[in-house]
Amino acid sequence: QVQLVESGGGLVQAGGSLRLSCAASGRTFSSRAMGWFRQALGKEREFVAAIGWSGRSTTYVDSVKGRFTVSRDNAKNTAYLQMNSLTPEDTAVYYCAAGPLYRSASYSKTEDGMDYWGKGTLVTVSS
């Protein structure tokens, strides 16, 4: 069983930065790919970024490439999403999710493929 708790959301002006954290419980964190998803008001939840279980592979949705960076610290059982150059279009509830064991980032881009979810953290970008 893995429990995930996101933090780091908040209100930021356009052009600003935030770093989201996803703290995981359990002993299998280091063996699981981690994904970040977001859901804007009135829209479907969408994939944002993922990092493979080893940390060697990452993948991003096109709209955040070059602005967001996903990383992980297995010693701290924590995944991160560094978000720079934020725009109002990035406003959403951001969720982290843990995938099955030993999966790479490229196979961690769909909601159905993730095993555990956090409750989300709200990011609001003002113009």
Foldseek 3Di string as FASTA:
>chain_A
DKAKAKDFADEAAAQAKIKMKIAMDDDQLLFWKKFKWWDDPPGDIFTAKIAFSPRPAIDGDPVQPPFWDWGDDVVRRMIMIIGGRDDQVPWTWMKMFIFDGGDGGVQVGDPVRTDYIYPTDTHGYHD
